[in-house]
């Protein structure tokens, strides 16, 4: 694997994890501030999708790194 991919995939996946958590937490604030239900549910779902994508990509980066060391 090229050094670009070694650096890009883990960094990008961690950025997605952070962004997904931030969006989900923001959706919680929207809920308690009285926003319409569809708004905070949609935003929370979007945040969880981004978070899970980041976890999947991070897992893939770990698998690739462990295969490379063997």
N, C-alpha and C. Protein backbone atom coordinates (compact mmCIF):
# COMPACT_ATOMS: atom_id res chain seq x y z
N UNK A 1 0.84 -1.17 0.00
CA UNK A 1 0.00 0.00 0.00
C UNK A 1 0.89 1.24 0.00
N UNK A 2 0.48 2.22 -0.75
CA UNK A 2 1.28 3.44 -0.83
C UNK A 2 1.22 4.21 0.48
N UNK A 3 2.21 5.05 0.70
CA UNK A 3 2.25 5.82 1.95
C UNK A 3 1.08 6.80 2.03
N UNK A 4 0.59 7.23 0.86
CA UNK A 4 -0.56 8.14 0.85
C UNK A 4 -1.78 7.44 1.46
N UNK A 5 -2.03 6.21 1.06
CA UNK A 5 -3.17 5.48 1.59
C UNK A 5 -2.98 5.14 3.06
N UNK A 6 -1.75 4.90 3.46
CA UNK A 6 -1.48 4.61 4.87
C UNK A 6 -1.87 5.78 5.75
N UNK A 7 -1.66 6.97 5.27
CA UNK A 7 -1.97 8.16 6.06
C UNK A 7 -3.41 8.65 5.86
N UNK A 8 -3.92 8.50 4.66
CA UNK A 8 -5.22 9.07 4.34
C UNK A 8 -6.37 8.30 4.99
N UNK A 9 -6.39 6.99 4.86
CA UNK A 9 -7.54 6.21 5.32
C UNK A 9 -7.75 6.32 6.84
N UNK A 10 -6.72 6.14 7.67
CA UNK A 10 -6.97 6.29 9.11
C UNK A 10 -7.38 7.71 9.50
N UNK A 11 -6.74 8.70 8.92
CA UNK A 11 -7.07 10.08 9.24
C UNK A 11 -8.47 10.46 8.81
N UNK A 12 -8.84 10.05 7.62
CA UNK A 12 -10.18 10.35 7.11
C UNK A 12 -11.24 9.64 7.94
N UNK A 13 -10.96 8.40 8.31
CA UNK A 13 -11.95 7.65 9.10
C UNK A 13 -12.14 8.28 10.47
N UNK A 14 -11.06 8.73 11.10
CA UNK A 14 -11.19 9.38 12.40
C UNK A 14 -11.93 10.71 12.29
N UNK A 15 -11.74 11.41 11.19
CA UNK A 15 -12.48 12.66 10.96
C UNK A 15 -13.97 12.37 10.82
N UNK A 16 -14.32 11.29 10.13
CA UNK A 16 -15.73 10.91 9.99
C UNK A 16 -16.34 10.52 11.33
N UNK A 17 -15.57 9.81 12.14
CA UNK A 17 -16.07 9.42 13.46
C UNK A 17 -16.38 10.67 14.29
N UNK A 18 -15.47 11.61 14.31
CA UNK A 18 -15.69 12.84 15.06
C UNK A 18 -16.85 13.65 14.53
N UNK A 19 -16.96 13.74 13.21
CA UNK A 19 -18.04 14.51 12.62
C UNK A 19 -19.39 13.85 12.91
N UNK A 20 -19.44 12.52 12.82
CA UNK A 20 -20.69 11.82 13.10
C UNK A 20 -21.15 11.99 14.54
N UNK A 21 -20.19 11.91 15.47
CA UNK A 21 -20.55 12.13 16.87
C UNK A 21 -21.03 13.56 17.11
N UNK A 22 -20.37 14.51 16.50
CA UNK A 22 -20.76 15.92 16.67
C UNK A 22 -22.16 16.18 16.14
N UNK A 23 -22.46 15.61 14.99
CA UNK A 23 -23.79 15.80 14.41
C UNK A 23 -24.86 15.14 15.27
N UNK A 24 -24.57 13.95 15.78
CA UNK A 24 -25.55 13.26 16.63
C UNK A 24 -25.79 14.02 17.93
N UNK A 25 -24.75 14.56 18.52
CA UNK A 25 -24.90 15.35 19.74
C UNK A 25 -25.69 16.62 19.46
N UNK A 26 -25.42 17.24 18.32
CA UNK A 26 -26.18 18.43 17.93
C UNK A 26 -27.66 18.11 17.76
N UNK A 27 -27.96 16.94 17.22
CA UNK A 27 -29.36 16.52 17.07
C UNK A 27 -30.03 16.39 18.44
N UNK A 28 -29.27 15.93 19.43
CA UNK A 28 -29.81 15.86 20.78
C UNK A 28 -30.14 17.24 21.34
N UNK A 29 -29.29 18.21 21.05
CA UNK A 29 -29.58 19.59 21.47
C UNK A 29 -30.84 20.11 20.78
N UNK A 30 -30.99 19.77 19.50
CA UNK A 30 -32.18 20.19 18.77
C UNK A 30 -33.44 19.61 19.41
N UNK A 31 -33.35 18.35 19.85
CA UNK A 31 -34.50 17.70 20.47
C UNK A 31 -34.92 18.45 21.73
N UNK A 32 -33.97 18.77 22.58
CA UNK A 32 -34.30 19.42 23.84
C UNK A 32 -34.64 20.90 23.68
N UNK A 33 -34.31 21.48 22.54
CA UNK A 33 -34.68 22.88 22.28
C UNK A 33 -36.04 23.02 21.62
N UNK A 34 -36.71 21.90 21.39
CA UNK A 34 -38.07 21.94 20.88
C UNK A 34 -38.21 21.96 19.37
N UNK A 35 -37.18 21.54 18.65
CA UNK A 35 -37.29 21.47 17.19
C UNK A 35 -38.30 20.39 16.80
N UNK A 36 -38.88 20.51 15.62
CA UNK A 36 -39.80 19.46 15.17
C UNK A 36 -39.12 18.09 15.15
N UNK A 37 -39.90 17.07 15.42
CA UNK A 37 -39.35 15.72 15.55
C UNK A 37 -38.60 15.28 14.31
N UNK A 38 -39.15 15.55 13.14
CA UNK A 38 -38.51 15.06 11.92
C UNK A 38 -37.12 15.67 11.73
N UNK A 39 -36.90 16.89 12.20
CA UNK A 39 -35.59 17.53 12.03
C UNK A 39 -34.51 16.84 12.84
N UNK A 40 -34.75 16.63 14.15
CA UNK A 40 -33.70 16.04 14.96
C UNK A 40 -33.54 14.55 14.70
N UNK A 41 -34.62 13.87 14.31
CA UNK A 41 -34.50 12.44 13.96
C UNK A 41 -33.67 12.29 12.69
N UNK A 42 -33.93 13.11 11.70
CA UNK A 42 -33.18 13.05 10.45
C UNK A 42 -31.71 13.40 10.67
N UNK A 43 -31.46 14.44 11.46
CA UNK A 43 -30.08 14.85 11.73
C UNK A 43 -29.35 13.79 12.56
N UNK A 44 -30.02 13.21 13.54
CA UNK A 44 -29.39 12.17 14.34
C UNK A 44 -29.08 10.93 13.53
N UNK A 45 -29.99 10.56 12.64
CA UNK A 45 -29.76 9.40 11.78
C UNK A 45 -28.59 9.66 10.84
N UNK A 46 -28.53 10.84 10.29
CA UNK A 46 -27.42 11.21 9.41
C UNK A 46 -26.10 11.15 10.16
N UNK A 47 -26.08 11.64 11.39
CA UNK A 47 -24.87 11.59 12.21
C UNK A 47 -24.44 10.16 12.50
N UNK A 48 -25.39 9.29 12.79
CA UNK A 48 -25.05 7.89 13.06
C UNK A 48 -24.54 7.17 11.83
N UNK A 49 -25.08 7.51 10.66
CA UNK A 49 -24.59 6.91 9.42
C UNK A 49 -23.13 7.31 9.18
N UNK A 50 -22.83 8.58 9.37
CA UNK A 50 -21.45 9.06 9.20
C UNK A 50 -20.53 8.40 10.22
N UNK A 51 -20.98 8.31 11.47
CA UNK A 51 -20.18 7.68 12.53
C UNK A 51 -19.87 6.23 12.19
N UNK A 52 -20.87 5.48 11.76
CA UNK A 52 -20.66 4.06 11.43
C UNK A 52 -19.78 3.89 10.20
N UNK A 53 -19.88 4.80 9.25
CA UNK A 53 -18.99 4.76 8.09
C UNK A 53 -17.54 4.97 8.53
N UNK A 54 -17.33 5.92 9.43
CA UNK A 54 -15.99 6.16 9.96
C UNK A 54 -15.44 4.95 10.69
N UNK A 55 -16.28 4.27 11.48
CA UNK A 55 -15.84 3.06 12.18
C UNK A 55 -15.46 1.96 11.19
N UNK A 56 -16.25 1.81 10.15
CA UNK A 56 -15.96 0.78 9.15
C UNK A 56 -14.64 1.06 8.44
N UNK A 57 -14.43 2.31 8.06
CA UNK A 57 -13.19 2.66 7.38
C UNK A 57 -11.98 2.53 8.30
N UNK A 58 -12.15 2.86 9.57
CA UNK A 58 -11.06 2.70 10.52
C UNK A 58 -10.71 1.22 10.71
N UNK A 59 -11.74 0.38 10.79
CA UNK A 59 -11.50 -1.05 10.87
C UNK A 59 -10.77 -1.57 9.65
N UNK A 60 -11.13 -1.07 8.49
CA UNK A 60 -10.45 -1.47 7.26
C UNK A 60 -8.99 -1.03 7.28
N UNK A 61 -8.74 0.16 7.79
CA UNK A 61 -7.35 0.64 7.89
C UNK A 61 -6.54 -0.22 8.84
N UNK A 62 -7.13 -0.65 9.94
CA UNK A 62 -6.43 -1.51 10.90
C UNK A 62 -6.14 -2.87 10.26
N UNK A 63 -7.10 -3.41 9.54
CA UNK A 63 -6.90 -4.71 8.87
C UNK A 63 -5.78 -4.60 7.85
N UNK A 64 -5.80 -3.55 7.06
CA UNK A 64 -4.74 -3.38 6.05
C UNK A 64 -3.37 -3.22 6.69
N UNK A 65 -3.31 -2.48 7.77
CA UNK A 65 -2.02 -2.28 8.45
C UNK A 65 -1.51 -3.57 9.06
N UNK A 66 -2.40 -4.39 9.61
CA UNK A 66 -1.95 -5.64 10.21
C UNK A 66 -1.52 -6.65 9.15
N UNK A 67 -2.17 -6.64 7.99
CA UNK A 67 -1.77 -7.54 6.91
C UNK A 67 -0.41 -7.15 6.35
N UNK A 68 -0.15 -5.85 6.34
CA UNK A 68 1.12 -5.36 5.80
C UNK A 68 2.30 -5.73 6.68
N UNK A 69 2.07 -5.79 7.98
CA UNK A 69 3.15 -6.12 8.91
C UNK A 69 3.51 -7.60 8.86
N UNK A 70 2.58 -8.45 8.46
CA UNK A 70 2.84 -9.90 8.40
C UNK A 70 3.52 -10.31 7.14
